[in-house]
């Protein structure tokens, strides 16, 4: 079943499940549709450019060294404003500092956010 794309990137982000099993199912269905529908893919990539948390919750994975398993990268609510702030600083050419503790994903978020800012052709 094709997922209906909403009007805005934020509305789309709010549709993405945060339960790991539901998120993986969503990714499989949604990204399969992107693979065959160029217009669908264009809207998705535009949403990812407009609101970076989307790419985290739909495409990025993270490795858990304790379980030695890859997991879908699903943002915690407190990580979303950090991504918004860091991304705004990247876009505007400002410096930003991060106070972090272990196992909060800050280093991985920074690396993935720079990747998310790489432009690709549609």
PDB file of N, CA and C in Angstrom:
ATOM      1  N   UNK A   1       0.837  -1.179   0.000  1.00  0.00           N
ATOM      2  CA  UNK A   1       0.000   0.000   0.000  1.00  0.00           C
ATOM      3  C   UNK A   1       0.884   1.245   0.000  1.00  0.00           C
ATOM      4  N   UNK A   2       0.677   2.130  -0.914  1.00  0.00           N
ATOM      5  CA  UNK A   2       1.467   3.344  -1.038  1.00  0.00           C
ATOM      6  C   UNK A   2       1.123   4.321   0.093  1.00  0.00           C
ATOM      7  N   UNK A   3       2.162   4.825   0.755  1.00  0.00           N
ATOM      8  CA  UNK A   3       1.985   5.797   1.831  1.00  0.00           C
ATOM      9  C   UNK A   3       1.721   7.155   1.193  1.00  0.00           C
ATOM     10  N   UNK A   4       0.628   7.795   1.601  1.00  0.00           N
ATOM     11  CA  UNK A   4       0.283   9.109   1.051  1.00  0.00           C
ATOM     12  C   UNK A   4       1.218  10.159   1.643  1.00  0.00           C
ATOM     13  N   UNK A   5       1.851  10.914   0.756  1.00  0.00           N
ATOM     14  CA  UNK A   5       2.765  11.959   1.208  1.00  0.00           C
ATOM     15  C   UNK A   5       1.978  13.197   1.628  1.00  0.00           C
ATOM     16  N   UNK A   6       2.257  13.707   2.821  1.00  0.00           N
ATOM     17  CA  UNK A   6       1.584  14.937   3.257  1.00  0.00           C
ATOM     18  C   UNK A   6       2.184  16.161   2.564  1.00  0.00           C
ATOM     19  N   UNK A   7       1.690  17.322   2.915  1.00  0.00           N
ATOM     20  CA  UNK A   7       2.119  18.576   2.287  1.00  0.00           C
ATOM     21  C   UNK A   7       3.494  19.046   2.759  1.00  0.00           C
ATOM     22  N   UNK A   8       3.822  18.812   4.025  1.00  0.00           N
ATOM     23  CA  UNK A   8       5.064  19.376   4.570  1.00  0.00           C
ATOM     24  C   UNK A   8       5.978  18.290   5.124  1.00  0.00           C
ATOM     25  N   UNK A   9       7.250  18.652   5.244  1.00  0.00           N
ATOM     26  CA  UNK A   9       8.248  17.731   5.786  1.00  0.00           C
ATOM     27  C   UNK A   9       7.940  17.383   7.245  1.00  0.00           C
ATOM     28  N   UNK A  10       7.501  18.344   8.023  1.00  0.00           N
ATOM     29  CA  UNK A  10       7.189  18.088   9.438  1.00  0.00           C
ATOM     30  C   UNK A  10       6.022  17.116   9.551  1.00  0.00           C
ATOM     31  N   UNK A  11       5.000  17.291   8.721  1.00  0.00           N
ATOM     32  CA  UNK A  11       3.867  16.360   8.738  1.00  0.00           C
ATOM     33  C   UNK A  11       4.341  14.951   8.383  1.00  0.00           C
ATOM     34  N   UNK A  12       5.242  14.860   7.412  1.00  0.00           N
ATOM     35  CA  UNK A  12       5.774  13.548   7.047  1.00  0.00           C
ATOM     36  C   UNK A  12       6.554  12.947   8.214  1.00  0.00           C
ATOM     37  N   UNK A  13       7.409  13.752   8.848  1.00  0.00           N
ATOM     38  CA  UNK A  13       8.186  13.262   9.993  1.00  0.00           C
ATOM     39  C   UNK A  13       7.259  12.684  11.065  1.00  0.00           C
ATOM     40  N   UNK A  14       6.144  13.330  11.301  1.00  0.00           N
ATOM     41  CA  UNK A  14       5.207  12.869  12.329  1.00  0.00           C
ATOM     42  C   UNK A  14       4.524  11.547  11.966  1.00  0.00           C
ATOM     43  N   UNK A  15       4.578  11.150  10.693  1.00  0.00           N
ATOM     44  CA  UNK A  15       4.007   9.860  10.273  1.00  0.00           C
ATOM     45  C   UNK A  15       4.962   8.684  10.511  1.00  0.00           C
ATOM     46  N   UNK A  16       6.238   8.975  10.702  1.00  0.00           N
ATOM     47  CA  UNK A  16       7.248   7.915  10.793  1.00  0.00           C
ATOM     48  C   UNK A  16       7.168   7.239  12.153  1.00  0.00           C
ATOM     49  N   UNK A  17       6.935   5.925  12.173  1.00  0.00           N
ATOM     50  CA  UNK A  17       6.846   5.215  13.457  1.00  0.00           C
ATOM     51  C   UNK A  17       8.176   5.222  14.210  1.00  0.00           C
ATOM     52  N   UNK A  18       8.102   5.285  15.530  1.00  0.00           N
ATOM     53  CA  UNK A  18       9.310   5.246  16.353  1.00  0.00           C
ATOM     54  C   UNK A  18       9.506   3.898  17.050  1.00  0.00           C
ATOM     55  N   UNK A  19       8.520   3.030  16.972  1.00  0.00           N
ATOM     56  CA  UNK A  19       8.709   1.663  17.444  1.00  0.00           C
ATOM     57  C   UNK A  19       9.635   0.965  16.448  1.00  0.00           C
ATOM     58  N   UNK A  20      10.712   0.313  16.926  1.00  0.00           N
ATOM     59  CA  UNK A  20      11.693  -0.266  15.986  1.00  0.00           C
ATOM     60  C   UNK A  20      11.094  -1.199  14.929  1.00  0.00           C
ATOM     61  N   UNK A  21      10.228  -2.113  15.306  1.00  0.00           N
ATOM     62  CA  UNK A  21       9.641  -3.043  14.332  1.00  0.00           C
ATOM     63  C   UNK A  21       8.776  -2.290  13.321  1.00  0.00           C
ATOM     64  N   UNK A  22       7.932  -1.408  13.818  1.00  0.00           N
ATOM     65  CA  UNK A  22       7.073  -0.630  12.921  1.00  0.00           C
ATOM     66  C   UNK A  22       7.908   0.274  12.020  1.00  0.00           C
ATOM     67  N   UNK A  23       9.002   0.813  12.552  1.00  0.00           N
ATOM     68  CA  UNK A  23       9.867   1.682  11.770  1.00  0.00           C
ATOM     69  C   UNK A  23      10.522   0.917  10.627  1.00  0.00           C
ATOM     70  N   UNK A  24      11.013  -0.279  10.916  1.00  0.00           N
ATOM     71  CA  UNK A  24      11.641  -1.101   9.870  1.00  0.00           C
ATOM     72  C   UNK A  24      10.622  -1.443   8.785  1.00  0.00           C
ATOM     73  N   UNK A  25       9.408  -1.804   9.183  1.00  0.00           N
ATOM     74  CA  UNK A  25       8.351  -2.100   8.206  1.00  0.00           C
ATOM     75  C   UNK A  25       8.031  -0.870   7.360  1.00  0.00           C
ATOM     76  N   UNK A  26       7.945   0.289   8.000  1.00  0.00           N
ATOM     77  CA  UNK A  26       7.686   1.542   7.294  1.00  0.00           C
ATOM     78  C   UNK A  26       8.793   1.819   6.292  1.00  0.00           C
ATOM     79  N   UNK A  27      10.056   1.677   6.742  1.00  0.00           N
ATOM     80  CA  UNK A  27      11.194   1.918   5.847  1.00  0.00           C
ATOM     81  C   UNK A  27      11.133   1.010   4.628  1.00  0.00           C
ATOM     82  N   UNK A  28      10.876  -0.262   4.857  1.00  0.00           N
ATOM     83  CA  UNK A  28      10.840  -1.223   3.751  1.00  0.00           C
ATOM     84  C   UNK A  28       9.768  -0.845   2.738  1.00  0.00           C
ATOM     85  N   UNK A  29       8.580  -0.536   3.230  1.00  0.00           N
ATOM     86  CA  UNK A  29       7.473  -0.189   2.334  1.00  0.00           C
ATOM     87  C   UNK A  29       7.737   1.147   1.641  1.00  0.00           C
ATOM     88  N   UNK A  30       8.122   2.144   2.412  1.00  0.00           N
ATOM     89  CA  UNK A  30       8.297   3.486   1.862  1.00  0.00           C
ATOM     90  C   UNK A  30       9.462   3.552   0.883  1.00  0.00           C
ATOM     91  N   UNK A  31      10.608   3.006   1.276  1.00  0.00           N
ATOM     92  CA  UNK A  31      11.782   3.097   0.402  1.00  0.00           C
ATOM     93  C   UNK A  31      11.621   2.222  -0.845  1.00  0.00           C
ATOM     94  N   UNK A  32      10.850   1.160  -0.759  1.00  0.00           N
ATOM     95  CA  UNK A  32      10.537   0.364  -1.957  1.00  0.00           C
ATOM     96  C   UNK A  32       9.742   1.198  -2.951  1.00  0.00           C
ATOM     97  N   UNK A  33       8.811   1.984  -2.433  1.00  0.00           N
ATOM     98  CA  UNK A  33       8.023   2.862  -3.312  1.00  0.00           C
ATOM     99  C   UNK A  33       8.922   3.931  -3.936  1.00  0.00           C
ATOM    100  N   UNK A  34       9.842   4.469  -3.154  1.00  0.00           N
ATOM    101  CA  UNK A  34      10.778   5.475  -3.681  1.00  0.00           C
ATOM    102  C   UNK A  34      11.632   4.896  -4.813  1.00  0.00           C
ATOM    103  N   UNK A  35      11.945   3.615  -4.715  1.00  0.00           N
ATOM    104  CA  UNK A  35      12.801   2.979  -5.714  1.00  0.00           C
ATOM    105  C   UNK A  35      12.139   2.906  -7.089  1.00  0.00           C
ATOM    106  N   UNK A  36      10.822   2.882  -7.126  1.00  0.00           N
ATOM    107  CA  UNK A  36      10.128   2.717  -8.407  1.00  0.00           C
ATOM    108  C   UNK A  36       9.379   3.964  -8.883  1.00  0.00           C
ATOM    109  N   UNK A  37       9.219   4.956  -8.017  1.00  0.00           N
ATOM    110  CA  UNK A  37       8.446   6.145  -8.369  1.00  0.00           C
ATOM    111  C   UNK A  37       9.324   7.392  -8.231  1.00  0.00           C
ATOM    112  N   UNK A  38       9.753   7.929  -9.366  1.00  0.00           N
ATOM    113  CA  UNK A  38      10.693   9.054  -9.364  1.00  0.00           C
ATOM    114  C   UNK A  38      10.112  10.292  -8.677  1.00  0.00           C
ATOM    115  N   UNK A  39       8.848  10.602  -8.922  1.00  0.00           N
ATOM    116  CA  UNK A  39       8.231  11.782  -8.295  1.00  0.00           C
ATOM    117  C   UNK A  39       8.124  11.604  -6.776  1.00  0.00           C
ATOM    118  N   UNK A  40       7.763  10.431  -6.352  1.00  0.00           N
ATOM    119  CA  UNK A  40       7.690  10.092  -4.922  1.00  0.00           C
ATOM    120  C   UNK A  40       9.072  10.293  -4.288  1.00  0.00           C
ATOM    121  N   UNK A  41      10.089   9.794  -4.967  1.00  0.00           N
ATOM    122  CA  UNK A  41      11.477   9.910  -4.502  1.00  0.00           C
ATOM    123  C   UNK A  41      11.906  11.375  -4.417  1.00  0.00           C
ATOM    124  N   UNK A  42      11.522  12.176  -5.394  1.00  0.00           N
ATOM    125  CA  UNK A  42      11.870  13.601  -5.382  1.00  0.00           C
ATOM    126  C   UNK A  42      11.273  14.305  -4.162  1.00  0.00           C
ATOM    127  N   UNK A  43      10.016  14.015  -3.870  1.00  0.00           N
ATOM    128  CA  UNK A  43       9.367  14.630  -2.706  1.00  0.00           C
ATOM    129  C   UNK A  43      10.078  14.189  -1.423  1.00  0.00           C
ATOM    130  N   UNK A  44      10.379  12.897  -1.324  1.00  0.00           N
ATOM    131  CA  UNK A  44      11.078  12.377  -0.136  1.00  0.00           C
ATOM    132  C   UNK A  44      12.436  13.059   0.038  1.00  0.00           C
ATOM    133  N   UNK A  45      13.218  13.157  -1.023  1.00  0.00           N
ATOM    134  CA  UNK A  45      14.534  13.788  -0.920  1.00  0.00           C
ATOM    135  C   UNK A  45      14.415  15.269  -0.562  1.00  0.00           C
ATOM    136  N   UNK A  46      13.403  15.933  -1.074  1.00  0.00           N
ATOM    137  CA  UNK A  46      13.158  17.340  -0.718  1.00  0.00           C
ATOM    138  C   UNK A  46      12.812  17.446   0.767  1.00  0.00           C
ATOM    139  N   UNK A  47      11.953  16.554   1.236  1.00  0.00           N
ATOM    140  CA  UNK A  47      11.618  16.541   2.662  1.00  0.00           C
ATOM    141  C   UNK A  47      12.875  16.322   3.509  1.00  0.00           C
ATOM    142  N   UNK A  48      13.737  15.392   3.078  1.00  0.00           N
ATOM    143  CA  UNK A  48      14.981  15.120   3.818  1.00  0.00           C
ATOM    144  C   UNK A  48      15.877  16.359   3.858  1.00  0.00           C
ATOM    145  N   UNK A  49      15.929  17.100   2.772  1.00  0.00           N
ATOM    146  CA  UNK A  49      16.733  18.329   2.735  1.00  0.00           C
ATOM    147  C   UNK A  49      16.114  19.416   3.607  1.00  0.00           C
ATOM    148  N   UNK A  50      14.782  19.497   3.616  1.00  0.00           N
ATOM    149  CA  UNK A  50      14.092  20.540   4.371  1.00  0.00           C
ATOM    150  C   UNK A  50      14.102  20.288   5.878  1.00  0.00           C
ATOM    151  N   UNK A  51      14.053  19.012   6.271  1.00  0.00           N
ATOM    152  CA  UNK A  51      13.958  18.682   7.703  1.00  0.00           C
ATOM    153  C   UNK A  51      14.787  17.426   7.979  1.00  0.00           C
ATOM    154  N   UNK A  52      16.015  17.642   8.415  1.00  0.00           N
ATOM    155  CA  UNK A  52      16.994  16.560   8.534  1.00  0.00           C
ATOM    156  C   UNK A  52      16.587  15.401   9.459  1.00  0.00           C
ATOM    157  N   UNK A  53      15.780  15.604  10.509  1.00  0.00           N
ATOM    158  CA  UNK A  53      15.386  14.430  11.309  1.00  0.00           C
ATOM    159  C   UNK A  53      14.724  13.326  10.483  1.00  0.00           C
ATOM    160  N   UNK A  54      14.143  13.668   9.336  1.00  0.00           N
ATOM    161  CA  UNK A  54      13.500  12.654   8.492  1.00  0.00           C
ATOM    162  C   UNK A  54      14.505  11.605   8.034  1.00  0.00           C
ATOM    163  N   UNK A  55      15.660  12.040   7.583  1.00  0.00           N
ATOM    164  CA  UNK A  55      16.620  11.065   7.058  1.00  0.00           C
ATOM    165  C   UNK A  55      17.140  10.144   8.162  1.00  0.00           C
ATOM    166  N   UNK A  56      17.220  10.656   9.387  1.00  0.00           N
ATOM    167  CA  UNK A  56      17.637   9.805  10.504  1.00  0.00           C
ATOM    168  C   UNK A  56      16.629   8.684  10.714  1.00  0.00           C
ATOM    169  N   UNK A  57      15.349   9.035  10.769  1.00  0.00           N
ATOM    170  CA  UNK A  57      14.323   8.056  11.111  1.00  0.00           C
ATOM    171  C   UNK A  57      13.846   7.205   9.945  1.00  0.00           C
ATOM    172  N   UNK A  58      14.351   7.494   8.733  1.00  0.00           N
ATOM    173  CA  UNK A  58      13.922   6.685   7.585  1.00  0.00           C
ATOM    174  C   UNK A  58      15.058   5.963   6.873  1.00  0.00           C
ATOM    175  N   UNK A  59      16.290   6.420   7.043  1.00  0.00           N
ATOM    176  CA  UNK A  59      17.371   5.832   6.251  1.00  0.00           C
ATOM    177  C   UNK A  59      18.614   5.450   7.048  1.00  0.00           C
ATOM    178  N   UNK A  60      18.896   6.138   8.130  1.00  0.00           N
ATOM    179  CA  UNK A  60      20.130   5.870   8.869  1.00  0.00           C
ATOM    180  C   UNK A  60      19.973   4.701   9.837  1.00  0.00           C
ATOM    181  N   UNK A  61      21.092   4.014  10.014  1.00  0.00           N
ATOM    182  CA  UNK A  61      21.178   2.892  10.948  1.00  0.00           C
ATOM    183  C   UNK A  61      22.295   3.180  11.933  1.00  0.00           C
ATOM    184  N   UNK A  62      22.293   2.475  13.055  1.00  0.00           N
ATOM    185  CA  UNK A  62      23.342   2.632  14.057  1.00  0.00           C
ATOM    186  C   UNK A  62      23.760   1.255  14.559  1.00  0.00           C
ATOM    187  N   UNK A  63      25.026   1.144  14.866  1.00  0.00           N
ATOM    188  CA  UNK A  63      25.585  -0.126  15.347  1.00  0.00           C
ATOM    189  C   UNK A  63      25.676  -0.079  16.859  1.00  0.00           C
ATOM    190  N   UNK A  64      25.115  -1.087  17.521  1.00  0.00           N
ATOM    191  CA  UNK A  64      25.219  -1.208  18.969  1.00  0.00           C
ATOM    192  C   UNK A  64      26.381  -2.143  19.283  1.00  0.00           C
ATOM    193  N   UNK A  65      27.491  -1.612  19.799  1.00  0.00           N
ATOM    194  CA  UNK A  65      28.662  -2.458  20.043  1.00  0.00           C
ATOM    195  C   UNK A  65      28.437  -3.524  21.117  1.00  0.00           C
ATOM    196  N   UNK A  66      27.490  -3.288  22.033  1.00  0.00           N
ATOM    197  CA  UNK A  66      27.238  -4.305  23.060  1.00  0.00           C
ATOM    198  C   UNK A  66      26.491  -5.507  22.499  1.00  0.00           C
ATOM    199  N   UNK A  67      25.447  -5.260  21.700  1.00  0.00           N
ATOM    200  CA  UNK A  67      24.696  -6.382  21.126  1.00  0.00           C
ATOM    201  C   UNK A  67      25.295  -6.834  19.794  1.00  0.00           C
ATOM    202  N   UNK A  68      26.172  -5.977  19.220  1.00  0.00           N
ATOM    203  CA  UNK A  68      26.814  -6.229  17.936  1.00  0.00           C
ATOM    204  C   UNK A  68      25.784  -6.377  16.809  1.00  0.00           C
ATOM    205  N   UNK A  69      24.737  -5.549  16.901  1.00  0.00           N
ATOM    206  CA  UNK A  69      23.648  -5.577  15.931  1.00  0.00           C
ATOM    207  C   UNK A  69      23.414  -4.154  15.412  1.00  0.00           C
ATOM    208  N   UNK A  70      23.101  -4.045  14.124  1.00  0.00           N
ATOM    209  CA  UNK A  70      22.670  -2.770  13.562  1.00  0.00           C
ATOM    210  C   UNK A  70      21.200  -2.564  13.882  1.00  0.00           C
ATOM    211  N   UNK A  71      20.868  -1.332  14.226  1.00  0.00           N
ATOM    212  CA  UNK A  71      19.491  -0.969  14.541  1.00  0.00           C
ATOM    213  C   UNK A  71      19.108   0.250  13.706  1.00  0.00           C
ATOM    214  N   UNK A  72      17.825   0.397  13.416  1.00  0.00           N
ATOM    215  CA  UNK A  72      17.433   1.637  12.742  1.00  0.00           C
ATOM    216  C   UNK A  72      17.715   2.808  13.681  1.00  0.00           C
ATOM    217  N   UNK A  73      18.254   3.871  13.128  1.00  0.00           N
ATOM    218  CA  UNK A  73      18.499   5.063  13.931  1.00  0.00           C
ATOM    219  C   UNK A  73      17.154   5.765  14.076  1.00  0.00           C
ATOM    220  N   UNK A  74      16.606   5.739  15.267  1.00  0.00           N
ATOM    221  CA  UNK A  74      15.338   6.399  15.560  1.00  0.00           C
ATOM    222  C   UNK A  74      15.635   7.436  16.630  1.00  0.00           C
ATOM    223  N   UNK A  75      15.392   8.669  16.296  1.00  0.00           N
ATOM    224  CA  UNK A  75      15.733   9.762  17.207  1.00  0.00           C
ATOM    225  C   UNK A  75      14.899   9.729  18.480  1.00  0.00           C
ATOM    226  N   UNK A  76      15.560  10.057  19.579  1.00  0.00           N
ATOM    227  CA  UNK A  76      14.855  10.304  20.831  1.00  0.00           C
ATOM    228  C   UNK A  76      14.320  11.732  20.750  1.00  0.00           C
ATOM    229  N   UNK A  77      13.224  12.031  21.423  1.00  0.00           N
ATOM    230  CA  UNK A  77      12.658  13.393  21.338  1.00  0.00           C
ATOM    231  C   UNK A  77      13.659  14.505  21.668  1.00  0.00           C
ATOM    232  N   UNK A  78      14.557  14.281  22.625  1.00  0.00           N
ATOM    233  CA  UNK A  78      15.505  15.343  22.986  1.00  0.00           C
ATOM    234  C   UNK A  78      16.609  15.532  21.947  1.00  0.00           C
ATOM    235  N   UNK A  79      16.766  14.595  21.021  1.00  0.00           N
ATOM    236  CA  UNK A  79      17.776  14.737  19.978  1.00  0.00           C
ATOM    237  C   UNK A  79      17.298  15.621  18.814  1.00  0.00           C
ATOM    238  N   UNK A  80      16.005  15.719  18.648  1.00  0.00           N
ATOM    239  CA  UNK A  80      15.450  16.459  17.506  1.00  0.00           C
ATOM    240  C   UNK A  80      15.832  17.940  17.544  1.00  0.00           C
ATOM    241  N   UNK A  81      15.649  18.653  18.675  1.00  0.00           N
ATOM    242  CA  UNK A  81      16.064  20.063  18.675  1.00  0.00           C
ATOM    243  C   UNK A  81      17.567  20.233  18.487  1.00  0.00           C
ATOM    244  N   UNK A  82      18.353  19.268  18.944  1.00  0.00           N
ATOM    245  CA  UNK A  82      19.806  19.345  18.726  1.00  0.00           C
ATOM    246  C   UNK A  82      20.117  19.277  17.241  1.00  0.00           C
ATOM    247  N   UNK A  83      19.467  18.375  16.519  1.00  0.00           N
ATOM    248  CA  UNK A  83      19.680  18.260  15.073  1.00  0.00           C
ATOM    249  C   UNK A  83      19.227  19.532  14.370  1.00  0.00           C
ATOM    250  N   UNK A  84      18.079  20.055  14.767  1.00  0.00           N
ATOM    251  CA  UNK A  84      17.588  21.292  14.155  1.00  0.00           C
ATOM    252  C   UNK A  84      18.593  22.433  14.354  1.00  0.00           C
ATOM    253  N   UNK A  85      19.140  22.543  15.561  1.00  0.00           N
ATOM    254  CA  UNK A  85      20.098  23.612  15.866  1.00  0.00           C
ATOM    255  C   UNK A  85      21.406  23.423  15.121  1.00  0.00           C
ATOM    256  N   UNK A  86      21.948  22.224  15.150  1.00  0.00           N
ATOM    257  CA  UNK A  86      23.218  21.964  14.457  1.00  0.00           C
ATOM    258  C   UNK A  86      23.057  22.188  12.957  1.00  0.00           C
ATOM    259  N   UNK A  87      21.950  21.707  12.398  1.00  0.00           N
ATOM    260  CA  UNK A  87      21.721  21.887  10.965  1.00  0.00           C
ATOM    261  C   UNK A  87      21.601  23.367  10.605  1.00  0.00           C
ATOM    262  N   UNK A  88      20.905  24.133  11.420  1.00  0.00           N
ATOM    263  CA  UNK A  88      20.789  25.576  11.164  1.00  0.00           C
ATOM    264  C   UNK A  88      22.172  26.224  11.189  1.00  0.00           C
ATOM    265  N   UNK A  89      23.020  25.809  12.123  1.00  0.00           N
ATOM    266  CA  UNK A  89      24.377  26.364  12.193  1.00  0.00           C
ATOM    267  C   UNK A  89      25.196  25.985  10.956  1.00  0.00           C
ATOM    268  N   UNK A  90      25.027  24.761  10.478  1.00  0.00           N
ATOM    269  CA  UNK A  90      25.722  24.344   9.250  1.00  0.00           C
ATOM    270  C   UNK A  90      25.252  25.209   8.083  1.00  0.00           C
ATOM    271  N   UNK A  91      23.942  25.370   7.951  1.00  0.00           N
ATOM    272  CA  UNK A  91      23.378  26.127   6.827  1.00  0.00           C
ATOM    273  C   UNK A  91      23.795  27.596   6.853  1.00  0.00           C
ATOM    274  N   UNK A  92      23.898  28.157   8.061  1.00  0.00           N
ATOM    275  CA  UNK A  92      24.200  29.585   8.207  1.00  0.00           C
ATOM    276  C   UNK A  92      25.697  29.856   8.387  1.00  0.00           C
ATOM    277  N   UNK A  93      26.497  28.796   8.479  1.00  0.00           N
ATOM    278  CA  UNK A  93      27.936  28.966   8.628  1.00  0.00           C
ATOM    279  C   UNK A  93      28.367  29.414  10.012  1.00  0.00           C
ATOM    280  N   UNK A  94      27.607  29.025  11.034  1.00  0.00           N
ATOM    281  CA  UNK A  94      27.948  29.369  12.416  1.00  0.00           C
ATOM    282  C   UNK A  94      28.602  28.191  13.117  1.00  0.00           C
ATOM    283  N   UNK A  95      29.342  28.482  14.167  1.00  0.00           N
ATOM    284  CA  UNK A  95      29.904  27.439  15.020  1.00  0.00           C
ATOM    285  C   UNK A  95      28.845  27.014  16.035  1.00  0.00           C
ATOM    286  N   UNK A  96      28.997  25.795  16.503  1.00  0.00           N
ATOM    287  CA  UNK A  96      28.097  25.306  17.544  1.00  0.00           C
ATOM    288  C   UNK A  96      28.883  24.340  18.424  1.00  0.00           C
ATOM    289  N   UNK A  97      28.595  24.364  19.702  1.00  0.00           N
ATOM    290  CA  UNK A  97      29.217  23.434  20.634  1.00  0.00           C
ATOM    291  C   UNK A  97      28.169  22.498  21.200  1.00  0.00           C
ATOM    292  N   UNK A  98      28.604  21.327  21.605  1.00  0.00           N
ATOM    293  CA  UNK A  98      27.674  20.340  22.138  1.00  0.00           C
ATOM    294  C   UNK A  98      28.209  19.846  23.476  1.00  0.00           C
ATOM    295  N   UNK A  99      27.414  20.000  24.529  1.00  0.00           N
ATOM    296  CA  UNK A  99      27.712  19.353  25.797  1.00  0.00           C
ATOM    297  C   UNK A  99      27.073  17.970  25.722  1.00  0.00           C
ATOM    298  N   UNK A 100      27.879  16.935  25.919  1.00  0.00           N
ATOM    299  CA  UNK A 100      27.323  15.599  25.736  1.00  0.00           C
ATOM    300  C   UNK A 100      27.819  14.649  26.801  1.00  0.00           C
ATOM    301  N   UNK A 101      27.053  13.615  26.985  1.00  0.00           N
ATOM    302  CA  UNK A 101      27.458  12.512  27.837  1.00  0.00           C
ATOM    303  C   UNK A 101      27.539  11.266  26.969  1.00  0.00           C
ATOM    304  N   UNK A 102      28.076  10.207  27.516  1.00  0.00           N
ATOM    305  CA  UNK A 102      28.204   8.959  26.766  1.00  0.00           C
ATOM    306  C   UNK A 102      26.834   8.384  26.429  1.00  0.00           C
ATOM    307  N   UNK A 103      26.789   7.690  25.312  1.00  0.00           N
ATOM    308  CA  UNK A 103      25.616   6.938  24.859  1.00  0.00           C
ATOM    309  C   UNK A 103      24.393   7.803  24.561  1.00  0.00           C
ATOM    310  N   UNK A 104      24.637   9.048  24.158  1.00  0.00           N
ATOM    311  CA  UNK A 104      23.538   9.917  23.748  1.00  0.00           C
ATOM    312  C   UNK A 104      23.506  10.103  22.239  1.00  0.00           C
ATOM    313  N   UNK A 105      24.505   9.564  21.543  1.00  0.00           N
ATOM    314  CA  UNK A 105      24.507   9.615  20.090  1.00  0.00           C
ATOM    315  C   UNK A 105      24.998  10.912  19.483  1.00  0.00           C
ATOM    316  N   UNK A 106      25.569  11.797  20.283  1.00  0.00           N
ATOM    317  CA  UNK A 106      25.968  13.115  19.763  1.00  0.00           C
ATOM    318  C   UNK A 106      27.028  13.021  18.671  1.00  0.00           C
ATOM    319  N   UNK A 107      28.038  12.205  18.870  1.00  0.00           N
ATOM    320  CA  UNK A 107      29.085  12.080  17.850  1.00  0.00           C
ATOM    321  C   UNK A 107      28.512  11.512  16.559  1.00  0.00           C
ATOM    322  N   UNK A 108      27.690  10.495  16.690  1.00  0.00           N
ATOM    323  CA  UNK A 108      27.094   9.877  15.505  1.00  0.00           C
ATOM    324  C   UNK A 108      26.123  10.831  14.816  1.00  0.00           C
ATOM    325  N   UNK A 109      25.375  11.585  15.597  1.00  0.00           N
ATOM    326  CA  UNK A 109      24.459  12.572  15.016  1.00  0.00           C
ATOM    327  C   UNK A 109      25.228  13.592  14.197  1.00  0.00           C
ATOM    328  N   UNK A 110      26.340  14.092  14.742  1.00  0.00           N
ATOM    329  CA  UNK A 110      27.132  15.097  14.011  1.00  0.00           C
ATOM    330  C   UNK A 110      27.647  14.532  12.690  1.00  0.00           C
ATOM    331  N   UNK A 111      28.191  13.331  12.731  1.00  0.00           N
ATOM    332  CA  UNK A 111      28.711  12.716  11.498  1.00  0.00           C
ATOM    333  C   UNK A 111      27.595  12.497  10.482  1.00  0.00           C
ATOM    334  N   UNK A 112      26.492  11.951  10.926  1.00  0.00           N
ATOM    335  CA  UNK A 112      25.379  11.664  10.021  1.00  0.00           C
ATOM    336  C   UNK A 112      24.751  12.961   9.487  1.00  0.00           C
ATOM    337  N   UNK A 113      24.742  13.995  10.296  1.00  0.00           N
ATOM    338  CA  UNK A 113      24.178  15.264   9.847  1.00  0.00           C
ATOM    339  C   UNK A 113      25.015  15.880   8.726  1.00  0.00           C
ATOM    340  N   UNK A 114      26.315  15.736   8.811  1.00  0.00           N
ATOM    341  CA  UNK A 114      27.156  16.228   7.712  1.00  0.00           C
ATOM    342  C   UNK A 114      26.895  15.421   6.445  1.00  0.00           C
ATOM    343  N   UNK A 115      26.710  14.120   6.572  1.00  0.00           N
ATOM    344  CA  UNK A 115      26.362  13.291   5.413  1.00  0.00           C
ATOM    345  C   UNK A 115      25.010  13.735   4.851  1.00  0.00           C
ATOM    346  N   UNK A 116      24.058  14.008   5.736  1.00  0.00           N
ATOM    347  CA  UNK A 116      22.723  14.416   5.289  1.00  0.00           C
ATOM    348  C   UNK A 116      22.762  15.737   4.521  1.00  0.00           C
ATOM    349  N   UNK A 117      23.781  16.535   4.752  1.00  0.00           N
ATOM    350  CA  UNK A 117      23.888  17.819   4.059  1.00  0.00           C
ATOM    351  C   UNK A 117      24.606  17.709   2.728  1.00  0.00           C
ATOM    352  N   UNK A 118      25.069  16.527   2.370  1.00  0.00           N
ATOM    353  CA  UNK A 118      25.663  16.323   1.040  1.00  0.00           C
ATOM    354  C   UNK A 118      24.515  16.307   0.036  1.00  0.00           C
ATOM    355  N   UNK A 119      24.660  17.043  -1.029  1.00  0.00           N
ATOM    356  CA  UNK A 119      23.596  17.122  -2.040  1.00  0.00           C
ATOM    357  C   UNK A 119      23.804  16.006  -3.076  1.00  0.00           C
ATOM    358  N   UNK A 120      22.710  15.396  -3.440  1.00  0.00           N
ATOM    359  CA  UNK A 120      22.738  14.382  -4.482  1.00  0.00           C
ATOM    360  C   UNK A 120      21.739  14.767  -5.562  1.00  0.00           C
ATOM    361  N   UNK A 121      21.913  14.202  -6.732  1.00  0.00           N
ATOM    362  CA  UNK A 121      20.969  14.475  -7.807  1.00  0.00           C
ATOM    363  C   UNK A 121      19.689  13.692  -7.560  1.00  0.00           C
ATOM    364  N   UNK A 122      18.607  14.262  -7.996  1.00  0.00           N
ATOM    365  CA  UNK A 122      17.313  13.595  -7.841  1.00  0.00           C
ATOM    366  C   UNK A 122      17.101  12.681  -9.017  1.00  0.00           C
TER     367      UNK A 122
END
